[in-house]
Amino acid sequence: MGGGDTTHGGLPRLTSPPTGDNFKCTQLNPDQKMLRNFIYSSLILLSCNSQNEKNSTITSDAANNESEQIERLEVISSGGMQGSYYSCILTKDSVYVTFSLAMDSLKNYSYQKENNETGWQSLINEIDIQDFKKAVNGESRLAFDGIDTKITIKTNKEEISRMNANTNKTWKTILDSTAKYFKH
């Protein structure tokens, strides 16, 4: 991996934006960055209240008998004094990461890489969907220059989102598991 050293367990820790054949880096102009950050922040804030009580309704009996399978995980963090935005979207075969910092655009990066079946299975095996559904949204931290983090699990049956649910074990597990994709 591009410019990384090794941490515990042999997982790479990124010290610079990844490079190589498996990565596609994209530079956004300042207007695109502001628009993207505004859209994601708005989505986070607008969906927090409605998602906590809403669940998708499934009308097909066949769909109800099918076991619930995770198709996508999404972690979005935004806010803070420096205007940071971080997005990590994981699927069975891909990882998409975007990071931007309003105070220092030289630290912005975006990349996509292939995910492998072993890594995906290891991650979703740690996730208890029923526990995640019980998570309670925490208060927004944006008013105090804090960072709000929203985690969304998309399954074959529904999409479940929780924001700042730090007291929930599964929410915390997902957040910790996706931290390795973030440049430290």
N, C-alpha and C. Protein backbone atom coordinates (compact mmCIF):
# COMPACT_ATOMS: atom_id res chain seq x y z
N MET A 1 0.84 -1.18 0.00
CA MET A 1 0.00 0.00 0.00
C MET A 1 0.87 1.22 0.00
N GLY A 2 0.38 2.27 -0.59
CA GLY A 2 1.18 3.46 -0.82
C GLY A 2 1.64 4.15 0.44
N GLY A 3 2.95 4.07 0.71
CA GLY A 3 3.55 4.86 1.76
C GLY A 3 3.13 4.48 3.16
N GLY A 4 2.74 3.23 3.44
CA GLY A 4 2.26 2.87 4.77
C GLY A 4 3.28 2.08 5.55
N ASP A 5 3.19 2.15 6.87
CA ASP A 5 3.98 1.28 7.71
C ASP A 5 3.03 0.30 8.38
N THR A 6 3.55 -0.65 9.12
CA THR A 6 2.72 -1.71 9.66
C THR A 6 2.38 -1.43 11.11
N THR A 7 1.13 -1.74 11.49
CA THR A 7 0.68 -1.61 12.86
C THR A 7 0.45 -3.00 13.42
N HIS A 8 -0.16 -3.08 14.60
CA HIS A 8 -0.44 -4.38 15.22
C HIS A 8 -1.24 -5.28 14.30
N GLY A 9 -0.94 -6.53 14.29
CA GLY A 9 -1.66 -7.50 13.48
C GLY A 9 -1.32 -7.45 12.01
N GLY A 10 -0.32 -6.68 11.63
CA GLY A 10 0.11 -6.64 10.24
C GLY A 10 -0.77 -5.80 9.33
N LEU A 11 -1.78 -5.07 9.90
CA LEU A 11 -2.63 -4.23 9.07
C LEU A 11 -1.88 -2.95 8.73
N PRO A 12 -1.99 -2.50 7.50
CA PRO A 12 -1.28 -1.28 7.12
C PRO A 12 -1.92 -0.05 7.74
N ARG A 13 -1.10 0.90 8.09
CA ARG A 13 -1.57 2.20 8.55
C ARG A 13 -1.14 3.20 7.49
N LEU A 14 -2.09 3.92 6.95
CA LEU A 14 -1.79 4.85 5.87
C LEU A 14 -1.16 6.11 6.44
N THR A 15 -0.02 6.49 5.85
CA THR A 15 0.62 7.74 6.24
C THR A 15 0.57 8.75 5.11
N SER A 16 0.16 8.31 3.95
CA SER A 16 -0.06 9.20 2.82
C SER A 16 -1.16 8.59 1.98
N PRO A 17 -1.77 9.37 1.10
CA PRO A 17 -2.84 8.80 0.28
C PRO A 17 -2.34 7.57 -0.48
N PRO A 18 -3.14 6.49 -0.49
CA PRO A 18 -2.73 5.27 -1.18
C PRO A 18 -2.55 5.49 -2.68
N THR A 19 -1.66 4.70 -3.25
CA THR A 19 -1.43 4.75 -4.69
C THR A 19 -1.35 3.34 -5.22
N GLY A 20 -1.28 3.18 -6.52
CA GLY A 20 -1.13 1.86 -7.11
C GLY A 20 -2.28 1.54 -8.04
N ASP A 21 -2.24 0.35 -8.59
CA ASP A 21 -3.24 -0.06 -9.58
C ASP A 21 -4.63 -0.21 -9.00
N ASN A 22 -4.74 -0.57 -7.70
CA ASN A 22 -6.04 -0.81 -7.10
C ASN A 22 -6.70 0.46 -6.58
N PHE A 23 -6.06 1.62 -6.71
CA PHE A 23 -6.59 2.85 -6.15
C PHE A 23 -6.86 3.85 -7.26
N LYS A 24 -7.95 4.59 -7.10
CA LYS A 24 -8.28 5.66 -8.03
C LYS A 24 -8.46 6.93 -7.21
N CYS A 25 -7.45 7.79 -7.17
CA CYS A 25 -7.51 9.03 -6.40
C CYS A 25 -8.19 10.11 -7.23
N THR A 26 -8.98 10.92 -6.57
CA THR A 26 -9.69 11.99 -7.23
C THR A 26 -9.51 13.27 -6.44
N GLN A 27 -9.11 14.34 -7.10
CA GLN A 27 -9.01 15.65 -6.47
C GLN A 27 -10.26 16.44 -6.83
N LEU A 28 -10.90 17.03 -5.84
CA LEU A 28 -12.08 17.84 -6.07
C LEU A 28 -11.71 19.31 -5.93
N ASN A 29 -12.35 20.16 -6.73
CA ASN A 29 -12.09 21.58 -6.57
C ASN A 29 -12.83 22.08 -5.32
N PRO A 30 -12.48 23.26 -4.79
CA PRO A 30 -13.10 23.75 -3.55
C PRO A 30 -14.62 23.84 -3.60
N ASP A 31 -15.19 24.23 -4.73
CA ASP A 31 -16.65 24.32 -4.84
C ASP A 31 -17.30 22.94 -4.75
N GLN A 32 -16.69 21.94 -5.39
CA GLN A 32 -17.20 20.58 -5.32
C GLN A 32 -17.13 20.05 -3.90
N LYS A 33 -16.04 20.35 -3.21
CA LYS A 33 -15.87 19.89 -1.82
C LYS A 33 -16.92 20.49 -0.90
N MET A 34 -17.14 21.81 -1.05
CA MET A 34 -18.13 22.47 -0.21
C MET A 34 -19.52 21.92 -0.47
N LEU A 35 -19.86 21.71 -1.74
CA LEU A 35 -21.17 21.18 -2.09
C LEU A 35 -21.34 19.77 -1.54
N ARG A 36 -20.32 18.92 -1.72
CA ARG A 36 -20.39 17.55 -1.21
C ARG A 36 -20.54 17.55 0.31
N ASN A 37 -19.74 18.34 1.01
CA ASN A 37 -19.82 18.39 2.47
C ASN A 37 -21.17 18.90 2.93
N PHE A 38 -21.71 19.91 2.26
CA PHE A 38 -23.01 20.43 2.61
C PHE A 38 -24.09 19.38 2.41
N ILE A 39 -24.04 18.67 1.30
CA ILE A 39 -25.05 17.64 1.02
C ILE A 39 -25.00 16.53 2.07
N TYR A 40 -23.81 16.02 2.36
CA TYR A 40 -23.70 14.94 3.33
C TYR A 40 -24.09 15.40 4.73
N SER A 41 -23.68 16.58 5.13
CA SER A 41 -24.06 17.09 6.45
C SER A 41 -25.56 17.26 6.54
N SER A 42 -26.17 17.76 5.48
CA SER A 42 -27.63 17.93 5.47
C SER A 42 -28.33 16.59 5.56
N LEU A 43 -27.84 15.61 4.82
CA LEU A 43 -28.45 14.28 4.87
C LEU A 43 -28.36 13.68 6.26
N ILE A 44 -27.22 13.84 6.89
CA ILE A 44 -27.05 13.31 8.24
C ILE A 44 -28.06 13.95 9.18
N LEU A 45 -28.13 15.26 9.16
CA LEU A 45 -29.02 15.96 10.08
C LEU A 45 -30.49 15.69 9.79
N LEU A 46 -30.87 15.63 8.52
CA LEU A 46 -32.27 15.41 8.18
C LEU A 46 -32.74 13.99 8.46
N SER A 47 -31.84 13.04 8.34
CA SER A 47 -32.27 11.66 8.48
C SER A 47 -32.21 11.14 9.92
N CYS A 48 -31.55 11.85 10.80
CA CYS A 48 -31.39 11.36 12.17
C CYS A 48 -32.72 11.12 12.87
N ASN A 49 -33.60 12.10 12.85
CA ASN A 49 -34.87 11.97 13.55
C ASN A 49 -35.79 10.96 12.89
N SER A 50 -35.87 10.99 11.58
CA SER A 50 -36.81 10.11 10.90
C SER A 50 -36.36 8.66 10.89
N GLN A 51 -35.07 8.40 10.84
CA GLN A 51 -34.58 7.03 10.74
C GLN A 51 -34.69 6.27 12.05
N ASN A 52 -34.68 6.96 13.17
CA ASN A 52 -34.69 6.26 14.45
C ASN A 52 -35.98 5.48 14.64
N GLU A 53 -37.10 6.00 14.18
CA GLU A 53 -38.39 5.35 14.38
C GLU A 53 -38.88 4.58 13.16
N LYS A 54 -38.36 4.90 11.99
CA LYS A 54 -38.83 4.26 10.75
C LYS A 54 -38.09 2.97 10.48
N ASN A 55 -38.80 2.00 10.02
CA ASN A 55 -38.21 0.78 9.48
C ASN A 55 -38.86 0.52 8.14
N SER A 56 -38.13 -0.06 7.24
CA SER A 56 -38.69 -0.37 5.93
C SER A 56 -39.77 -1.43 6.07
N THR A 57 -40.81 -1.32 5.28
CA THR A 57 -41.87 -2.31 5.28
C THR A 57 -41.67 -3.24 4.10
N ILE A 58 -41.76 -4.51 4.38
CA ILE A 58 -41.58 -5.51 3.32
C ILE A 58 -42.91 -6.21 3.13
N THR A 59 -43.41 -6.18 1.92
CA THR A 59 -44.73 -6.74 1.66
C THR A 59 -44.68 -8.19 1.18
N SER A 60 -43.58 -8.61 0.65
CA SER A 60 -43.49 -9.96 0.11
C SER A 60 -43.25 -10.97 1.22
N ASP A 61 -44.07 -12.03 1.28
CA ASP A 61 -43.86 -13.09 2.27
C ASP A 61 -42.54 -13.79 2.03
N ALA A 62 -42.16 -13.95 0.78
CA ALA A 62 -40.88 -14.61 0.47
C ALA A 62 -39.73 -13.79 1.02
N ALA A 63 -39.80 -12.49 0.93
CA ALA A 63 -38.73 -11.64 1.46
C ALA A 63 -38.66 -11.74 2.97
N ASN A 64 -39.80 -11.89 3.66
CA ASN A 64 -39.80 -12.01 5.11
C ASN A 64 -39.16 -13.31 5.57
N ASN A 65 -39.27 -14.36 4.78
CA ASN A 65 -38.70 -15.65 5.14
C ASN A 65 -37.20 -15.72 4.86
N GLU A 66 -36.70 -14.84 4.02
CA GLU A 66 -35.29 -14.80 3.68
C GLU A 66 -34.50 -14.19 4.84
N SER A 67 -33.31 -14.74 5.12
CA SER A 67 -32.51 -14.18 6.20
C SER A 67 -31.95 -12.83 5.80
N GLU A 68 -31.80 -11.96 6.78
CA GLU A 68 -31.30 -10.61 6.52
C GLU A 68 -29.80 -10.65 6.31
N GLN A 69 -29.35 -10.12 5.17
CA GLN A 69 -27.93 -10.11 4.80
C GLN A 69 -27.45 -8.68 4.63
N ILE A 70 -26.29 -8.37 5.15
CA ILE A 70 -25.72 -7.05 5.00
C ILE A 70 -25.15 -6.91 3.59
N GLU A 71 -25.54 -5.83 2.91
CA GLU A 71 -25.05 -5.56 1.55
C GLU A 71 -24.06 -4.40 1.51
N ARG A 72 -24.21 -3.44 2.45
CA ARG A 72 -23.35 -2.26 2.44
C ARG A 72 -23.26 -1.67 3.84
N LEU A 73 -22.09 -1.18 4.18
CA LEU A 73 -21.88 -0.42 5.42
C LEU A 73 -21.39 0.96 5.03
N GLU A 74 -21.88 1.96 5.73
CA GLU A 74 -21.47 3.33 5.44
C GLU A 74 -21.22 4.07 6.74
N VAL A 75 -20.06 4.69 6.85
CA VAL A 75 -19.71 5.51 8.01
C VAL A 75 -19.40 6.91 7.50
N ILE A 76 -20.13 7.90 8.00
CA ILE A 76 -19.91 9.28 7.61
C ILE A 76 -19.73 10.12 8.86
N SER A 77 -18.61 10.84 8.92
CA SER A 77 -18.34 11.76 10.02
C SER A 77 -18.12 13.14 9.44
N SER A 78 -18.71 14.14 10.09
CA SER A 78 -18.48 15.51 9.63
C SER A 78 -18.61 16.48 10.78
N GLY A 79 -17.91 17.62 10.64
CA GLY A 79 -17.98 18.67 11.64
C GLY A 79 -16.60 18.98 12.19
N GLY A 80 -16.59 19.51 13.39
CA GLY A 80 -15.34 19.86 14.04
C GLY A 80 -14.87 21.24 13.68
N MET A 81 -13.92 21.74 14.43
CA MET A 81 -13.41 23.10 14.24
C MET A 81 -12.72 23.28 12.89
N GLN A 82 -12.15 22.21 12.35
CA GLN A 82 -11.43 22.31 11.09
C GLN A 82 -12.31 21.97 9.89
N GLY A 83 -13.58 21.66 10.13
CA GLY A 83 -14.48 21.35 9.03
C GLY A 83 -14.14 20.05 8.33
N SER A 84 -14.01 18.98 9.10
CA SER A 84 -13.62 17.70 8.49
C SER A 84 -14.83 16.94 7.98
N TYR A 85 -14.59 16.12 7.00
CA TYR A 85 -15.60 15.23 6.43
C TYR A 85 -14.90 13.92 6.09
N TYR A 86 -15.49 12.80 6.56
CA TYR A 86 -14.92 11.49 6.30
C TYR A 86 -16.05 10.55 5.92
N SER A 87 -15.85 9.82 4.86
CA SER A 87 -16.84 8.85 4.41
C SER A 87 -16.13 7.55 4.06
N CYS A 88 -16.67 6.45 4.57
CA CYS A 88 -16.15 5.12 4.23
C CYS A 88 -17.35 4.25 3.89
N ILE A 89 -17.39 3.76 2.66
CA ILE A 89 -18.46 2.89 2.21
C ILE A 89 -17.85 1.56 1.85
N LEU A 90 -18.37 0.50 2.48
CA LEU A 90 -17.85 -0.84 2.24
C LEU A 90 -18.94 -1.73 1.68
N THR A 91 -18.58 -2.46 0.64
CA THR A 91 -19.45 -3.50 0.09
C THR A 91 -18.63 -4.78 0.05
N LYS A 92 -19.25 -5.83 -0.39
CA LYS A 92 -18.58 -7.12 -0.47
C LYS A 92 -17.32 -7.06 -1.33
N ASP A 93 -17.35 -6.21 -2.37
CA ASP A 93 -16.21 -6.19 -3.29
C ASP A 93 -15.47 -4.86 -3.40
N SER A 94 -15.93 -3.80 -2.69
CA SER A 94 -15.27 -2.50 -2.83
C SER A 94 -15.22 -1.73 -1.52
N VAL A 95 -14.22 -0.85 -1.45
CA VAL A 95 -14.08 0.10 -0.35
C VAL A 95 -13.91 1.47 -0.98
N TYR A 96 -14.75 2.42 -0.57
CA TYR A 96 -14.68 3.80 -1.06
C TYR A 96 -14.42 4.71 0.14
N VAL A 97 -13.38 5.52 0.07
CA VAL A 97 -13.03 6.41 1.17
C VAL A 97 -12.83 7.83 0.65
N THR A 98 -13.39 8.79 1.36
CA THR A 98 -13.20 10.20 1.05
C THR A 98 -12.92 10.93 2.35
N PHE A 99 -11.92 11.80 2.31
CA PHE A 99 -11.60 12.64 3.47
C PHE A 99 -11.33 14.04 2.96
N SER A 100 -11.93 15.02 3.64
CA SER A 100 -11.61 16.41 3.29
C SER A 100 -11.56 17.24 4.56
N LEU A 101 -10.74 18.25 4.50
CA LEU A 101 -10.52 19.13 5.63
C LEU A 101 -10.61 20.56 5.12
N ALA A 102 -11.62 21.29 5.56
CA ALA A 102 -11.83 22.65 5.06
C ALA A 102 -10.65 23.56 5.38
N MET A 103 -9.98 23.34 6.50
CA MET A 103 -8.87 24.19 6.93
C MET A 103 -7.57 23.91 6.17
N ASP A 104 -7.45 22.72 5.56
CA ASP A 104 -6.21 22.37 4.88
C ASP A 104 -6.50 21.41 3.74
N SER A 105 -6.83 21.93 2.58
CA SER A 105 -7.23 21.09 1.46
C SER A 105 -6.09 20.21 0.94
N LEU A 106 -4.86 20.48 1.33
CA LEU A 106 -3.75 19.62 0.92
C LEU A 106 -3.84 18.23 1.55
N LYS A 107 -4.61 18.11 2.62
CA LYS A 107 -4.77 16.81 3.29
C LYS A 107 -5.96 16.02 2.77
N ASN A 108 -6.68 16.56 1.80
CA ASN A 108 -7.85 15.88 1.24
C ASN A 108 -7.43 14.71 0.36
N TYR A 109 -8.20 13.64 0.41
CA TYR A 109 -7.96 12.51 -0.48
C TYR A 109 -9.23 11.71 -0.66
N SER A 110 -9.24 10.92 -1.70
CA SER A 110 -10.34 10.03 -2.01
C SER A 110 -9.75 8.83 -2.72
N TYR A 111 -10.19 7.65 -2.34
CA TYR A 111 -9.71 6.47 -3.05
C TYR A 111 -10.75 5.35 -3.03
N GLN A 112 -10.56 4.44 -3.95
CA GLN A 112 -11.39 3.25 -4.07
C GLN A 112 -10.44 2.07 -4.19
N LYS A 113 -10.76 0.98 -3.53
CA LYS A 113 -9.96 -0.23 -3.70
C LYS A 113 -10.87 -1.45 -3.63
N GLU A 114 -10.34 -2.54 -4.07
CA GLU A 114 -11.10 -3.78 -4.03
C GLU A 114 -11.14 -4.31 -2.60
N ASN A 115 -12.27 -4.86 -2.23
CA ASN A 115 -12.43 -5.53 -0.94
C ASN A 115 -12.38 -7.03 -1.22
N ASN A 116 -11.93 -7.80 -0.28
CA ASN A 116 -11.90 -9.25 -0.51
C ASN A 116 -12.95 -9.94 0.35
N GLU A 117 -13.34 -11.10 -0.06
CA GLU A 117 -14.40 -11.87 0.60
C GLU A 117 -14.05 -12.17 2.06
N THR A 118 -12.80 -12.49 2.33
CA THR A 118 -12.38 -12.81 3.70
C THR A 118 -12.54 -11.61 4.62
N GLY A 119 -12.07 -10.44 4.18
CA GLY A 119 -12.19 -9.23 4.98
C GLY A 119 -13.64 -8.84 5.22
N TRP A 120 -14.46 -8.96 4.17
CA TRP A 120 -15.88 -8.61 4.28
C TRP A 120 -16.58 -9.56 5.25
N GLN A 121 -16.37 -10.85 5.10
CA GLN A 121 -17.01 -11.82 6.00
C GLN A 121 -16.58 -11.62 7.44
N SER A 122 -15.30 -11.34 7.64
CA SER A 122 -14.80 -11.10 8.99
C SER A 122 -15.50 -9.90 9.61
N LEU A 123 -15.70 -8.86 8.83
CA LEU A 123 -16.37 -7.66 9.34
C LEU A 123 -17.84 -7.92 9.63
N ILE A 124 -18.57 -8.48 8.70
CA ILE A 124 -20.01 -8.65 8.92
C ILE A 124 -20.32 -9.72 9.96
N ASN A 125 -19.39 -10.65 10.19
CA ASN A 125 -19.60 -11.64 11.24
C ASN A 125 -19.57 -11.01 12.63
N GLU A 126 -18.94 -9.84 12.75
CA GLU A 126 -18.88 -9.13 14.03
C GLU A 126 -20.12 -8.26 14.27
N ILE A 127 -20.98 -8.13 13.28
CA ILE A 127 -22.11 -7.20 13.37
C ILE A 127 -23.39 -7.94 13.76
N ASP A 128 -23.99 -7.47 14.83
CA ASP A 128 -25.28 -7.98 15.30
C ASP A 128 -26.34 -6.97 14.87
N ILE A 129 -27.06 -7.29 13.79
CA ILE A 129 -28.03 -6.36 13.23
C ILE A 129 -29.11 -6.01 14.24
N GLN A 130 -29.59 -6.99 15.00
CA GLN A 130 -30.64 -6.72 15.98
C GLN A 130 -30.15 -5.77 17.07
N ASP A 131 -28.90 -5.92 17.50
CA ASP A 131 -28.33 -5.01 18.48
C ASP A 131 -28.22 -3.60 17.90
N PHE A 132 -27.79 -3.50 16.64
CA PHE A 132 -27.67 -2.20 15.98
C PHE A 132 -29.03 -1.51 15.88
N LYS A 133 -30.09 -2.26 15.60
CA LYS A 133 -31.43 -1.70 15.51
C LYS A 133 -31.88 -1.10 16.84
N LYS A 134 -31.39 -1.65 17.94
CA LYS A 134 -31.76 -1.15 19.28
C LYS A 134 -30.98 0.10 19.68
N ALA A 135 -29.95 0.44 18.93
CA ALA A 135 -29.12 1.61 19.26
C ALA A 135 -29.96 2.88 19.26
N VAL A 136 -29.64 3.75 20.19
CA VAL A 136 -30.34 5.03 20.30
C VAL A 136 -29.43 6.13 19.77
N ASN A 137 -29.98 6.98 18.91
CA ASN A 137 -29.20 8.10 18.39
C ASN A 137 -28.76 9.00 19.54
N GLY A 138 -27.50 9.43 19.47
CA GLY A 138 -26.99 10.38 20.44
C GLY A 138 -27.26 11.80 20.00
N GLU A 139 -26.99 12.74 20.87
CA GLU A 139 -27.16 14.16 20.56
C GLU A 139 -26.12 14.60 19.52
N SER A 140 -26.51 15.56 18.71
CA SER A 140 -25.57 16.13 17.76
C SER A 140 -24.50 16.91 18.51
N ARG A 141 -23.28 16.84 18.01
CA ARG A 141 -22.15 17.53 18.63
C ARG A 141 -21.71 18.74 17.81
N LEU A 142 -22.41 18.99 16.70
CA LEU A 142 -22.01 20.07 15.79
C LEU A 142 -22.08 21.45 16.45
N ALA A 143 -23.02 21.68 17.34
CA ALA A 143 -23.16 22.99 17.98
C ALA A 143 -21.95 23.36 18.83
N PHE A 144 -21.18 22.37 19.23
CA PHE A 144 -20.01 22.60 20.09
C PHE A 144 -18.72 22.30 19.34
N ASP A 145 -18.72 22.49 18.02
CA ASP A 145 -17.58 22.19 17.16
C ASP A 145 -17.16 20.73 17.26
N GLY A 146 -18.12 19.89 17.54
CA GLY A 146 -17.85 18.46 17.61
C GLY A 146 -18.10 17.80 16.26
N ILE A 147 -17.88 16.52 16.23
CA ILE A 147 -18.04 15.73 15.00
C ILE A 147 -19.19 14.76 15.20
N ASP A 148 -20.12 14.76 14.26
CA ASP A 148 -21.21 13.78 14.26
C ASP A 148 -20.82 12.62 13.35
N THR A 149 -21.12 11.41 13.80
CA THR A 149 -20.83 10.22 13.01
C THR A 149 -22.12 9.42 12.84
N LYS A 150 -22.43 9.13 11.60
CA LYS A 150 -23.61 8.36 11.26
C LYS A 150 -23.16 7.05 10.62
N ILE A 151 -23.71 5.95 11.10
CA ILE A 151 -23.41 4.64 10.52
C ILE A 151 -24.71 4.08 9.96
N THR A 152 -24.64 3.60 8.73
CA THR A 152 -25.80 3.03 8.06
C THR A 152 -25.48 1.60 7.63
N ILE A 153 -26.38 0.70 7.94
CA ILE A 153 -26.29 -0.68 7.48
C ILE A 153 -27.41 -0.88 6.46
N LYS A 154 -27.04 -1.26 5.25
CA LYS A 154 -28.01 -1.57 4.20
C LYS A 154 -28.05 -3.08 4.08
N THR A 155 -29.23 -3.65 4.29
CA THR A 155 -29.40 -5.09 4.15
C THR A 155 -30.28 -5.36 2.94
N ASN A 156 -30.51 -6.63 2.68
CA ASN A 156 -31.41 -7.01 1.59
C ASN A 156 -32.87 -6.70 1.94
N LYS A 157 -33.14 -6.31 3.18
CA LYS A 157 -34.51 -6.02 3.61
C LYS A 157 -34.75 -4.56 3.97
N GLU A 158 -33.75 -3.88 4.49
CA GLU A 158 -33.96 -2.51 4.96
C GLU A 158 -32.64 -1.77 5.10
N GLU A 159 -32.76 -0.49 5.40
CA GLU A 159 -31.60 0.35 5.67
C GLU A 159 -31.78 0.93 7.07
N ILE A 160 -30.78 0.74 7.92
CA ILE A 160 -30.85 1.19 9.31
C ILE A 160 -29.72 2.17 9.55
N SER A 161 -30.04 3.36 10.08
CA SER A 161 -29.03 4.38 10.35
C SER A 161 -29.10 4.82 11.80
N ARG A 162 -27.94 5.03 12.38
CA ARG A 162 -27.85 5.55 13.74
C ARG A 162 -26.72 6.57 13.79
N MET A 163 -26.96 7.67 14.51
CA MET A 163 -25.96 8.72 14.63
C MET A 163 -25.50 8.84 16.09
N ASN A 164 -24.19 8.92 16.26
CA ASN A 164 -23.57 9.13 17.58
C ASN A 164 -24.09 8.14 18.62
N ALA A 165 -24.25 6.90 18.24
CA ALA A 165 -24.76 5.86 19.14
C ALA A 165 -23.59 5.15 19.83
N ASN A 166 -22.70 5.93 20.43
CA ASN A 166 -21.46 5.42 21.00
C ASN A 166 -21.66 4.37 22.10
N THR A 167 -22.82 4.32 22.71
CA THR A 167 -23.04 3.35 23.79
C THR A 167 -23.44 1.98 23.26
N ASN A 168 -23.70 1.87 21.96
CA ASN A 168 -24.09 0.60 21.36
C ASN A 168 -22.86 -0.18 20.91
N LYS A 169 -22.76 -1.43 21.35
CA LYS A 169 -21.59 -2.26 21.06
C LYS A 169 -21.37 -2.45 19.55
N THR A 170 -22.43 -2.76 18.82
CA THR A 170 -22.30 -3.01 17.38
C THR A 170 -21.93 -1.74 16.64
N TRP A 171 -22.52 -0.61 17.00
CA TRP A 171 -22.19 0.67 16.38
C TRP A 171 -20.70 0.95 16.56
N LYS A 172 -20.21 0.75 17.77
CA LYS A 172 -18.80 1.00 18.09
C LYS A 172 -17.89 0.02 17.32
N THR A 173 -18.30 -1.23 17.20
CA THR A 173 -17.52 -2.23 16.46
C THR A 173 -17.35 -1.82 15.00
N ILE A 174 -18.42 -1.34 14.38
CA ILE A 174 -18.35 -0.91 12.98
C ILE A 174 -17.41 0.29 12.87
N LEU A 175 -17.55 1.26 13.77
CA LEU A 175 -16.70 2.44 13.74
C LEU A 175 -15.23 2.05 13.89
N ASP A 176 -14.93 1.18 14.83
CA ASP A 176 -13.55 0.75 15.06
C ASP A 176 -13.01 -0.05 13.86
N SER A 177 -13.84 -0.87 13.25
CA SER A 177 -13.41 -1.70 12.12
C SER A 177 -13.12 -0.88 10.86
N THR A 178 -13.80 0.24 10.70
CA THR A 178 -13.57 1.06 9.51
C THR A 178 -12.45 2.08 9.71
N ALA A 179 -11.96 2.24 10.93
CA ALA A 179 -10.90 3.21 11.22
C ALA A 179 -9.63 2.90 10.44
N LYS A 180 -9.39 1.65 10.10
CA LYS A 180 -8.16 1.30 9.39
C LYS A 180 -8.08 1.89 7.98
N TYR A 181 -9.22 2.32 7.44
CA TYR A 181 -9.22 2.91 6.11
C TYR A 181 -8.94 4.41 6.15
N PHE A 182 -8.93 4.97 7.33
CA PHE A 182 -8.74 6.39 7.52
C PHE A 182 -7.26 6.68 7.73
N LYS A 183 -6.74 7.67 7.02
CA LYS A 183 -5.34 8.06 7.12
C LYS A 183 -5.09 8.70 8.49
N HIS A 184 -4.23 8.10 9.30
CA HIS A 184 -3.96 8.62 10.65
C HIS A 184 -2.80 9.59 10.64
